[in-house]
Amino acid sequence: ETYDVWARTEEKYQLRIKAFYPDADALQDL
């Protein structure tokens, strides 16, 4: 549902929301 709101928000307000993801190596180690 969070991804759904994300998509609807970008569509309504005509913007791109920059995503920041966990560092792959740190996540793998975790």
Full PDB file with SEQRES, HELIX, SHEET, SSBOND, CRYST1, ORIGX, SCALE, CONECT and MASTER records, all heavy atoms in Angstrom:
SEQRES   1 A   30  GLU THR TYR ASP VAL TRP ALA ARG THR GLU GLU LYS TYR          
SEQRES   2 A   30  GLN LEU ARG ILE LYS ALA PHE TYR PRO ASP ALA ASP ALA          
SEQRES   3 A   30  LEU GLN ASP LEU                                              
HELIX    1 AA1 THR A    2  TYR A   13  1                                  12    
HELIX    2 AA2 ALA A   24  ASP A   29  1                                   6    
CRYST1    1.000    1.000    1.000  90.00  90.00  90.00 P 1           1          
ORIGX1      1.000000  0.000000  0.000000        0.00000                         
ORIGX2      0.000000  1.000000  0.000000        0.00000                         
ORIGX3      0.000000  0.000000  1.000000        0.00000                         
SCALE1      1.000000  0.000000  0.000000        0.00000                         
SCALE2      0.000000  1.000000  0.000000        0.00000                         
SCALE3      0.000000  0.000000  1.000000        0.00000                         
ATOM      1  N   GLU A   1       0.826  -1.214   0.000  1.00  0.00           N  
ATOM      2  CA  GLU A   1       0.000   0.000   0.000  1.00  0.00           C  
ATOM      3  C   GLU A   1       0.862   1.267   0.000  1.00  0.00           C  
ATOM      4  O   GLU A   1       0.449   2.303  -0.516  1.00  0.00           O  
ATOM      5  CB  GLU A   1      -0.934   0.009   1.221  1.00  0.00           C  
ATOM      6  CG  GLU A   1      -2.031  -1.035   1.176  1.00  0.00           C  
ATOM      7  CD  GLU A   1      -1.610  -2.389   1.740  1.00  0.00           C  
ATOM      8  OE1 GLU A   1      -0.389  -2.620   1.942  1.00  0.00           O  
ATOM      9  OE2 GLU A   1      -2.513  -3.218   1.992  1.00  0.00           O  
ATOM     10  N   THR A   2       2.049   1.182   0.593  1.00  0.00           N  
ATOM     11  CA  THR A   2       2.947   2.342   0.597  1.00  0.00           C  
ATOM     12  C   THR A   2       3.451   2.643  -0.805  1.00  0.00           C  
ATOM     13  O   THR A   2       3.517   3.811  -1.224  1.00  0.00           O  
ATOM     14  CB  THR A   2       4.119   2.096   1.554  1.00  0.00           C  
ATOM     15  OG1 THR A   2       3.606   1.899   2.882  1.00  0.00           O  
ATOM     16  CG2 THR A   2       5.084   3.278   1.560  1.00  0.00           C  
ATOM     17  N   TYR A   3       3.780   1.607  -1.553  1.00  0.00           N  
ATOM     18  CA  TYR A   3       4.215   1.827  -2.932  1.00  0.00           C  
ATOM     19  C   TYR A   3       3.066   2.377  -3.778  1.00  0.00           C  
ATOM     20  O   TYR A   3       3.288   3.186  -4.691  1.00  0.00           O  
ATOM     21  CB  TYR A   3       4.745   0.524  -3.534  1.00  0.00           C  
ATOM     22  CG  TYR A   3       6.041   0.065  -2.914  1.00  0.00           C  
ATOM     23  CD1 TYR A   3       6.062  -0.983  -1.988  1.00  0.00           C  
ATOM     24  CD2 TYR A   3       7.244   0.687  -3.227  1.00  0.00           C  
ATOM     25  CE1 TYR A   3       7.254  -1.399  -1.412  1.00  0.00           C  
ATOM     26  CE2 TYR A   3       8.439   0.274  -2.653  1.00  0.00           C  
ATOM     27  CZ  TYR A   3       8.430  -0.774  -1.740  1.00  0.00           C  
ATOM     28  OH  TYR A   3       9.616  -1.173  -1.161  1.00  0.00           O  
ATOM     29  N   ASP A   4       1.850   1.967  -3.464  1.00  0.00           N  
ATOM     30  CA  ASP A   4       0.693   2.496  -4.186  1.00  0.00           C  
ATOM     31  C   ASP A   4       0.527   3.993  -3.939  1.00  0.00           C  
ATOM     32  O   ASP A   4       0.303   4.764  -4.886  1.00  0.00           O  
ATOM     33  CB  ASP A   4      -0.572   1.743  -3.752  1.00  0.00           C  
ATOM     34  CG  ASP A   4      -1.823   2.304  -4.400  1.00  0.00           C  
ATOM     35  OD1 ASP A   4      -1.943   2.222  -5.640  1.00  0.00           O  
ATOM     36  OD2 ASP A   4      -2.682   2.836  -3.667  1.00  0.00           O  
ATOM     37  N   VAL A   5       0.646   4.419  -2.687  1.00  0.00           N  
ATOM     38  CA  VAL A   5       0.555   5.850  -2.378  1.00  0.00           C  
ATOM     39  C   VAL A   5       1.695   6.614  -3.038  1.00  0.00           C  
ATOM     40  O   VAL A   5       1.502   7.722  -3.546  1.00  0.00           O  
ATOM     41  CB  VAL A   5       0.562   6.084  -0.851  1.00  0.00           C  
ATOM     42  CG1 VAL A   5       0.577   7.571  -0.534  1.00  0.00           C  
ATOM     43  CG2 VAL A   5      -0.654   5.447  -0.206  1.00  0.00           C  
ATOM     44  N   TRP A   6       2.867   6.044  -3.028  1.00  0.00           N  
ATOM     45  CA  TRP A   6       4.026   6.660  -3.688  1.00  0.00           C  
ATOM     46  C   TRP A   6       3.694   6.949  -5.151  1.00  0.00           C  
ATOM     47  O   TRP A   6       3.889   8.081  -5.636  1.00  0.00           O  
ATOM     48  CB  TRP A   6       5.195   5.712  -3.556  1.00  0.00           C  
ATOM     49  CG  TRP A   6       6.517   6.150  -4.103  1.00  0.00           C  
ATOM     50  CD1 TRP A   6       6.796   7.212  -4.914  1.00  0.00           C  
ATOM     51  CD2 TRP A   6       7.773   5.489  -3.861  1.00  0.00           C  
ATOM     52  NE1 TRP A   6       8.132   7.263  -5.213  1.00  0.00           N  
ATOM     53  CE2 TRP A   6       8.757   6.227  -4.576  1.00  0.00           C  
ATOM     54  CE3 TRP A   6       8.156   4.359  -3.147  1.00  0.00           C  
ATOM     55  CZ2 TRP A   6      10.105   5.843  -4.562  1.00  0.00           C  
ATOM     56  CZ3 TRP A   6       9.497   3.988  -3.135  1.00  0.00           C  
ATOM     57  CH2 TRP A   6      10.452   4.723  -3.833  1.00  0.00           C  
ATOM     58  N   ALA A   7       3.186   5.949  -5.861  1.00  0.00           N  
ATOM     59  CA  ALA A   7       2.865   6.126  -7.279  1.00  0.00           C  
ATOM     60  C   ALA A   7       1.764   7.157  -7.480  1.00  0.00           C  
ATOM     61  O   ALA A   7       1.843   8.008  -8.383  1.00  0.00           O  
ATOM     62  CB  ALA A   7       2.454   4.786  -7.887  1.00  0.00           C  
ATOM     63  N   ARG A   8       0.715   7.098  -6.658  1.00  0.00           N  
ATOM     64  CA  ARG A   8      -0.393   8.050  -6.793  1.00  0.00           C  
ATOM     65  C   ARG A   8       0.049   9.478  -6.485  1.00  0.00           C  
ATOM     66  O   ARG A   8      -0.421  10.433  -7.107  1.00  0.00           O  
ATOM     67  CB  ARG A   8      -1.549   7.649  -5.874  1.00  0.00           C  
ATOM     68  CG  ARG A   8      -2.291   6.403  -6.347  1.00  0.00           C  
ATOM     69  CD  ARG A   8      -3.595   6.212  -5.594  1.00  0.00           C  
ATOM     70  NE  ARG A   8      -3.382   5.762  -4.233  1.00  0.00           N  
ATOM     71  CZ  ARG A   8      -3.981   6.273  -3.172  1.00  0.00           C  
ATOM     72  NH1 ARG A   8      -4.808   7.306  -3.301  1.00  0.00           N  
ATOM     73  NH2 ARG A   8      -3.760   5.787  -1.959  1.00  0.00           N  
ATOM     74  N   THR A   9       0.978   9.605  -5.554  1.00  0.00           N  
ATOM     75  CA  THR A   9       1.484  10.933  -5.191  1.00  0.00           C  
ATOM     76  C   THR A   9       2.292  11.537  -6.336  1.00  0.00           C  
ATOM     77  O   THR A   9       2.135  12.712  -6.681  1.00  0.00           O  
ATOM     78  CB  THR A   9       2.345  10.836  -3.921  1.00  0.00           C  
ATOM     79  OG1 THR A   9       1.548  10.317  -2.846  1.00  0.00           O  
ATOM     80  CG2 THR A   9       2.898  12.203  -3.522  1.00  0.00           C  
ATOM     81  N   GLU A  10       3.161  10.738  -6.931  1.00  0.00           N  
ATOM     82  CA  GLU A  10       3.944  11.245  -8.067  1.00  0.00           C  
ATOM     83  C   GLU A  10       3.027  11.646  -9.217  1.00  0.00           C  
ATOM     84  O   GLU A  10       3.268  12.663  -9.890  1.00  0.00           O  
ATOM     85  CB  GLU A  10       4.940  10.182  -8.522  1.00  0.00           C  
ATOM     86  CG  GLU A  10       6.087   9.960  -7.558  1.00  0.00           C  
ATOM     87  CD  GLU A  10       7.211   9.139  -8.152  1.00  0.00           C  
ATOM     88  OE1 GLU A  10       6.928   8.327  -9.065  1.00  0.00           O  
ATOM     89  OE2 GLU A  10       8.368   9.312  -7.723  1.00  0.00           O  
ATOM     90  N   GLU A  11       1.980  10.879  -9.447  1.00  0.00           N  
ATOM     91  CA  GLU A  11       1.066  11.193 -10.542  1.00  0.00           C  
ATOM     92  C   GLU A  11       0.286  12.473 -10.274  1.00  0.00           C  
ATOM     93  O   GLU A  11       0.185  13.344 -11.147  1.00  0.00           O  
ATOM     94  CB  GLU A  11       0.097  10.031 -10.757  1.00  0.00           C  
ATOM     95  CG  GLU A  11      -0.876  10.256 -11.913  1.00  0.00           C  
ATOM     96  CD  GLU A  11      -1.789   9.074 -12.153  1.00  0.00           C  
ATOM     97  OE1 GLU A  11      -1.687   8.070 -11.423  1.00  0.00           O  
ATOM     98  OE2 GLU A  11      -2.618   9.155 -13.084  1.00  0.00           O  
ATOM     99  N   LYS A  12      -0.243  12.603  -9.061  1.00  0.00           N  
ATOM    100  CA  LYS A  12      -1.072  13.777  -8.756  1.00  0.00           C  
ATOM    101  C   LYS A  12      -0.260  15.070  -8.769  1.00  0.00           C  
ATOM    102  O   LYS A  12      -0.707  16.091  -9.291  1.00  0.00           O  
ATOM    103  CB  LYS A  12      -1.738  13.621  -7.384  1.00  0.00           C  
ATOM    104  CG  LYS A  12      -2.592  14.835  -6.979  1.00  0.00           C  
ATOM    105  CD  LYS A  12      -3.294  14.629  -5.661  1.00  0.00           C  
ATOM    106  CE  LYS A  12      -4.057  15.866  -5.215  1.00  0.00           C  
ATOM    107  NZ  LYS A  12      -5.188  16.195  -6.111  1.00  0.00           N  
ATOM    108  N   TYR A  13       0.938  15.019  -8.196  1.00  0.00           N  
ATOM    109  CA  TYR A  13       1.719  16.254  -8.033  1.00  0.00           C  
ATOM    110  C   TYR A  13       2.802  16.413  -9.094  1.00  0.00           C  
ATOM    111  O   TYR A  13       3.579  17.376  -9.028  1.00  0.00           O  
ATOM    112  CB  TYR A  13       2.317  16.296  -6.623  1.00  0.00           C  
ATOM    113  CG  TYR A  13       1.236  16.353  -5.568  1.00  0.00           C  
ATOM    114  CD1 TYR A  13       0.921  15.236  -4.809  1.00  0.00           C  
ATOM    115  CD2 TYR A  13       0.494  17.519  -5.367  1.00  0.00           C  
ATOM    116  CE1 TYR A  13      -0.087  15.279  -3.859  1.00  0.00           C  
ATOM    117  CE2 TYR A  13      -0.512  17.572  -4.418  1.00  0.00           C  
ATOM    118  CZ  TYR A  13      -0.801  16.445  -3.677  1.00  0.00           C  
ATOM    119  OH  TYR A  13      -1.810  16.488  -2.736  1.00  0.00           O  
ATOM    120  N   GLN A  14       2.834  15.490 -10.056  1.00  0.00           N  
ATOM    121  CA  GLN A  14       3.767  15.602 -11.174  1.00  0.00           C  
ATOM    122  C   GLN A  14       5.201  15.827 -10.691  1.00  0.00           C  
ATOM    123  O   GLN A  14       5.854  16.826 -11.004  1.00  0.00           O  
ATOM    124  CB  GLN A  14       3.328  16.732 -12.106  1.00  0.00           C  
ATOM    125  CG  GLN A  14       2.004  16.458 -12.816  1.00  0.00           C  
ATOM    126  CD  GLN A  14       2.094  15.250 -13.751  1.00  0.00           C  
ATOM    127  OE1 GLN A  14       2.760  15.310 -14.773  1.00  0.00           O  
ATOM    128  NE2 GLN A  14       1.430  14.158 -13.386  1.00  0.00           N  
ATOM    129  N   LEU A  15       5.687  14.875  -9.925  1.00  0.00           N  
ATOM    130  CA  LEU A  15       7.050  14.954  -9.420  1.00  0.00           C  
ATOM    131  C   LEU A  15       7.645  13.557  -9.340  1.00  0.00           C  
ATOM    132  O   LEU A  15       6.932  12.552  -9.412  1.00  0.00           O  
ATOM    133  CB  LEU A  15       7.092  15.621  -8.041  1.00  0.00           C  
ATOM    134  CG  LEU A  15       6.720  14.772  -6.814  1.00  0.00           C  
ATOM    135  CD1 LEU A  15       7.298  15.389  -5.564  1.00  0.00           C  
ATOM    136  CD2 LEU A  15       5.216  14.626  -6.666  1.00  0.00           C  
ATOM    137  N   ARG A  16       8.944  13.502  -9.188  1.00  0.00           N  
ATOM    138  CA  ARG A  16       9.641  12.267  -8.912  1.00  0.00           C  
ATOM    139  C   ARG A  16      10.227  12.373  -7.503  1.00  0.00           C  
ATOM    140  O   ARG A  16      10.892  13.355  -7.165  1.00  0.00           O  
ATOM    141  CB  ARG A  16      10.757  12.016  -9.921  1.00  0.00           C  
ATOM    142  CG  ARG A  16      10.248  11.452 -11.233  1.00  0.00           C  
ATOM    143  CD  ARG A  16       9.841   9.988 -11.104  1.00  0.00           C  
ATOM    144  NE  ARG A  16       9.320   9.465 -12.356  1.00  0.00           N  
ATOM    145  CZ  ARG A  16       8.018   9.379 -12.640  1.00  0.00           C  
ATOM    146  NH1 ARG A  16       7.120   9.797 -11.749  1.00  0.00           N  
ATOM    147  NH2 ARG A  16       7.621   8.888 -13.791  1.00  0.00           N  
ATOM    148  N   ILE A  17       9.951  11.365  -6.699  1.00  0.00           N  
ATOM    149  CA  ILE A  17      10.461  11.307  -5.333  1.00  0.00           C  
ATOM    150  C   ILE A  17      11.688  10.404  -5.347  1.00  0.00           C  
ATOM    151  O   ILE A  17      11.595   9.222  -5.680  1.00  0.00           O  
ATOM    152  CB  ILE A  17       9.385  10.784  -4.376  1.00  0.00           C  
ATOM    153  CG1 ILE A  17       8.189  11.742  -4.381  1.00  0.00           C  
ATOM    154  CG2 ILE A  17       9.943  10.620  -2.964  1.00  0.00           C  
ATOM    155  CD1 ILE A  17       6.944  11.191  -3.719  1.00  0.00           C  
ATOM    156  N   LYS A  18      12.837  10.959  -5.006  1.00  0.00           N  
ATOM    157  CA  LYS A  18      14.093  10.214  -5.101  1.00  0.00           C  
ATOM    158  C   LYS A  18      14.174   9.179  -3.994  1.00  0.00           C  
ATOM    159  O   LYS A  18      14.005   9.499  -2.813  1.00  0.00           O  
ATOM    160  CB  LYS A  18      15.284  11.161  -5.028  1.00  0.00           C  
ATOM    161  CG  LYS A  18      16.627  10.475  -5.296  1.00  0.00           C  
ATOM    162  CD  LYS A  18      17.764  11.483  -5.378  1.00  0.00           C  
ATOM    163  CE  LYS A  18      19.074  10.796  -5.702  1.00  0.00           C  
ATOM    164  NZ  LYS A  18      20.199  11.766  -5.801  1.00  0.00           N  
ATOM    165  N   ALA A  19      14.423   7.948  -4.374  1.00  0.00           N  
ATOM    166  CA  ALA A  19      14.506   6.858  -3.409  1.00  0.00           C  
ATOM    167  C   ALA A  19      15.953   6.607  -3.002  1.00  0.00           C  
ATOM    168  O   ALA A  19      16.858   6.604  -3.840  1.00  0.00           O  
ATOM    169  CB  ALA A  19      13.912   5.591  -3.995  1.00  0.00           C  
ATOM    170  N   PHE A  20      16.147   6.389  -1.708  1.00  0.00           N  
ATOM    171  CA  PHE A  20      17.449   6.008  -1.166  1.00  0.00           C  
ATOM    172  C   PHE A  20      17.305   4.628  -0.540  1.00  0.00           C  
ATOM    173  O   PHE A  20      16.442   4.406   0.314  1.00  0.00           O  
ATOM    174  CB  PHE A  20      17.935   7.036  -0.146  1.00  0.00           C  
ATOM    175  CG  PHE A  20      18.319   8.341  -0.780  1.00  0.00           C  
ATOM    176  CD1 PHE A  20      17.355   9.294  -1.064  1.00  0.00           C  
ATOM    177  CD2 PHE A  20      19.635   8.610  -1.114  1.00  0.00           C  
ATOM    178  CE1 PHE A  20      17.698  10.496  -1.674  1.00  0.00           C  
ATOM    179  CE2 PHE A  20      19.989   9.806  -1.722  1.00  0.00           C  
ATOM    180  CZ  PHE A  20      19.009  10.751  -2.007  1.00  0.00           C  
ATOM    181  N   TYR A  21      18.153   3.704  -0.974  1.00  0.00           N  
ATOM    182  CA  TYR A  21      18.055   2.305  -0.576  1.00  0.00           C  
ATOM    183  C   TYR A  21      19.210   1.936   0.358  1.00  0.00           C  
ATOM    184  O   TYR A  21      20.254   2.597   0.368  1.00  0.00           O  
ATOM    185  CB  TYR A  21      18.098   1.414  -1.821  1.00  0.00           C  
ATOM    186  CG  TYR A  21      16.947   1.653  -2.761  1.00  0.00           C  
ATOM    187  CD1 TYR A  21      17.052   2.573  -3.808  1.00  0.00           C  
ATOM    188  CD2 TYR A  21      15.740   0.987  -2.588  1.00  0.00           C  
ATOM    189  CE1 TYR A  21      15.987   2.808  -4.664  1.00  0.00           C  
ATOM    190  CE2 TYR A  21      14.666   1.213  -3.438  1.00  0.00           C  
ATOM    191  CZ  TYR A  21      14.798   2.124  -4.476  1.00  0.00           C  
ATOM    192  OH  TYR A  21      13.735   2.362  -5.312  1.00  0.00           O  
ATOM    193  N   PRO A  22      19.048   0.870   1.134  1.00  0.00           N  
ATOM    194  CA  PRO A  22      20.161   0.413   1.974  1.00  0.00           C  
ATOM    195  C   PRO A  22      21.371   0.033   1.131  1.00  0.00           C  
ATOM    196  O   PRO A  22      21.227  -0.460   0.004  1.00  0.00           O  
ATOM    197  CB  PRO A  22      19.580  -0.819   2.689  1.00  0.00           C  
ATOM    198  CG  PRO A  22      18.091  -0.671   2.604  1.00  0.00           C  
ATOM    199  CD  PRO A  22      17.830   0.050   1.313  1.00  0.00           C  
ATOM    200  N   ASP A  23      22.538   0.259   1.688  1.00  0.00           N  
ATOM    201  CA  ASP A  23      23.762  -0.194   1.031  1.00  0.00           C  
ATOM    202  C   ASP A  23      23.698  -1.712   0.887  1.00  0.00           C  
ATOM    203  O   ASP A  23      23.446  -2.446   1.855  1.00  0.00           O  
ATOM    204  CB  ASP A  23      24.975   0.211   1.867  1.00  0.00           C  
ATOM    205  CG  ASP A  23      26.268  -0.318   1.295  1.00  0.00           C  
ATOM    206  OD1 ASP A  23      26.781   0.277   0.346  1.00  0.00           O  
ATOM    207  OD2 ASP A  23      26.740  -1.360   1.805  1.00  0.00           O  
ATOM    208  N   ALA A  24      23.922  -2.212  -0.320  1.00  0.00           N  
ATOM    209  CA  ALA A  24      23.739  -3.641  -0.599  1.00  0.00           C  
ATOM    210  C   ALA A  24      24.653  -4.514   0.253  1.00  0.00           C  
ATOM    211  O   ALA A  24      24.228  -5.544   0.787  1.00  0.00           O  
ATOM    212  CB  ALA A  24      23.954  -3.906  -2.084  1.00  0.00           C  
ATOM    213  N   ASP A  25      25.919  -4.131   0.388  1.00  0.00           N  
ATOM    214  CA  ASP A  25      26.853  -4.944   1.167  1.00  0.00           C  
ATOM    215  C   ASP A  25      26.482  -4.951   2.649  1.00  0.00           C  
ATOM    216  O   ASP A  25      26.534  -5.994   3.311  1.00  0.00           O  
ATOM    217  CB  ASP A  25      28.281  -4.422   0.987  1.00  0.00           C  
ATOM    218  CG  ASP A  25      28.830  -4.686  -0.410  1.00  0.00           C  
ATOM    219  OD1 ASP A  25      28.332  -5.616  -1.076  1.00  0.00           O  
ATOM    220  OD2 ASP A  25      29.738  -3.947  -0.827  1.00  0.00           O  
ATOM    221  N   ALA A  26      26.109  -3.773   3.165  1.00  0.00           N  
ATOM    222  CA  ALA A  26      25.733  -3.685   4.579  1.00  0.00           C  
ATOM    223  C   ALA A  26      24.478  -4.500   4.857  1.00  0.00           C  
ATOM    224  O   ALA A  26      24.374  -5.176   5.889  1.00  0.00           O  
ATOM    225  CB  ALA A  26      25.511  -2.226   4.975  1.00  0.00           C  
ATOM    226  N   LEU A  27      23.534  -4.458   3.935  1.00  0.00           N  
ATOM    227  CA  LEU A  27      22.304  -5.232   4.114  1.00  0.00           C  
ATOM    228  C   LEU A  27      22.588  -6.725   4.040  1.00  0.00           C  
ATOM    229  O   LEU A  27      22.058  -7.515   4.836  1.00  0.00           O  
ATOM    230  CB  LEU A  27      21.287  -4.829   3.045  1.00  0.00           C  
ATOM    231  CG  LEU A  27      19.916  -5.491   3.134  1.00  0.00           C  
ATOM    232  CD1 LEU A  27      19.259  -5.228   4.478  1.00  0.00           C  
ATOM    233  CD2 LEU A  27      19.019  -4.999   1.989  1.00  0.00           C  
ATOM    234  N   GLN A  28      23.423  -7.120   3.116  1.00  0.00           N  
ATOM    235  CA  GLN A  28      23.786  -8.531   2.999  1.00  0.00           C  
ATOM    236  C   GLN A  28      24.446  -9.022   4.275  1.00  0.00           C  
ATOM    237  O   GLN A  28      24.139 -10.120   4.771  1.00  0.00           O  
ATOM    238  CB  GLN A  28      24.723  -8.706   1.803  1.00  0.00           C  
ATOM    239  CG  GLN A  28      25.133 -10.141   1.530  1.00  0.00           C  
ATOM    240  CD  GLN A  28      25.864 -10.257   0.207  1.00  0.00           C  
ATOM    241  OE1 GLN A  28      25.286 -10.087  -0.853  1.00  0.00           O  
ATOM    242  NE2 GLN A  28      27.166 -10.513   0.278  1.00  0.00           N  
ATOM    243  N   ASP A  29      25.339  -8.213   4.833  1.00  0.00           N  
ATOM    244  CA  ASP A  29      26.019  -8.590   6.075  1.00  0.00           C  
ATOM    245  C   ASP A  29      25.039  -8.646   7.244  1.00  0.00           C  
ATOM    246  O   ASP A  29      25.136  -9.540   8.102  1.00  0.00           O  
ATOM    247  CB  ASP A  29      27.131  -7.593   6.390  1.00  0.00           C  
ATOM    248  CG  ASP A  29      28.311  -7.697   5.427  1.00  0.00           C  
ATOM    249  OD1 ASP A  29      28.405  -8.709   4.702  1.00  0.00           O  
ATOM    250  OD2 ASP A  29      29.126  -6.752   5.391  1.00  0.00           O  
ATOM    251  N   LEU A  30      24.110  -7.706   7.286  1.00  0.00           N  
ATOM    252  CA  LEU A  30      23.111  -7.680   8.365  1.00  0.00           C  
ATOM    253  C   LEU A  30      22.288  -8.965   8.383  1.00  0.00           C  
ATOM    254  O   LEU A  30      22.119  -9.600   9.424  1.00  0.00           O  
ATOM    255  CB  LEU A  30      22.184  -6.476   8.197  1.00  0.00           C  
ATOM    256  CG  LEU A  30      21.021  -6.380   9.180  1.00  0.00           C  
ATOM    257  CD1 LEU A  30      21.501  -5.840  10.522  1.00  0.00           C  
ATOM    258  CD2 LEU A  30      19.904  -5.495   8.636  1.00  0.00           C  
TER     259      LEU A  30                                                      
MASTER        0    0    0    2    0    0    0    6  258    1    0    3          
END                                                                             
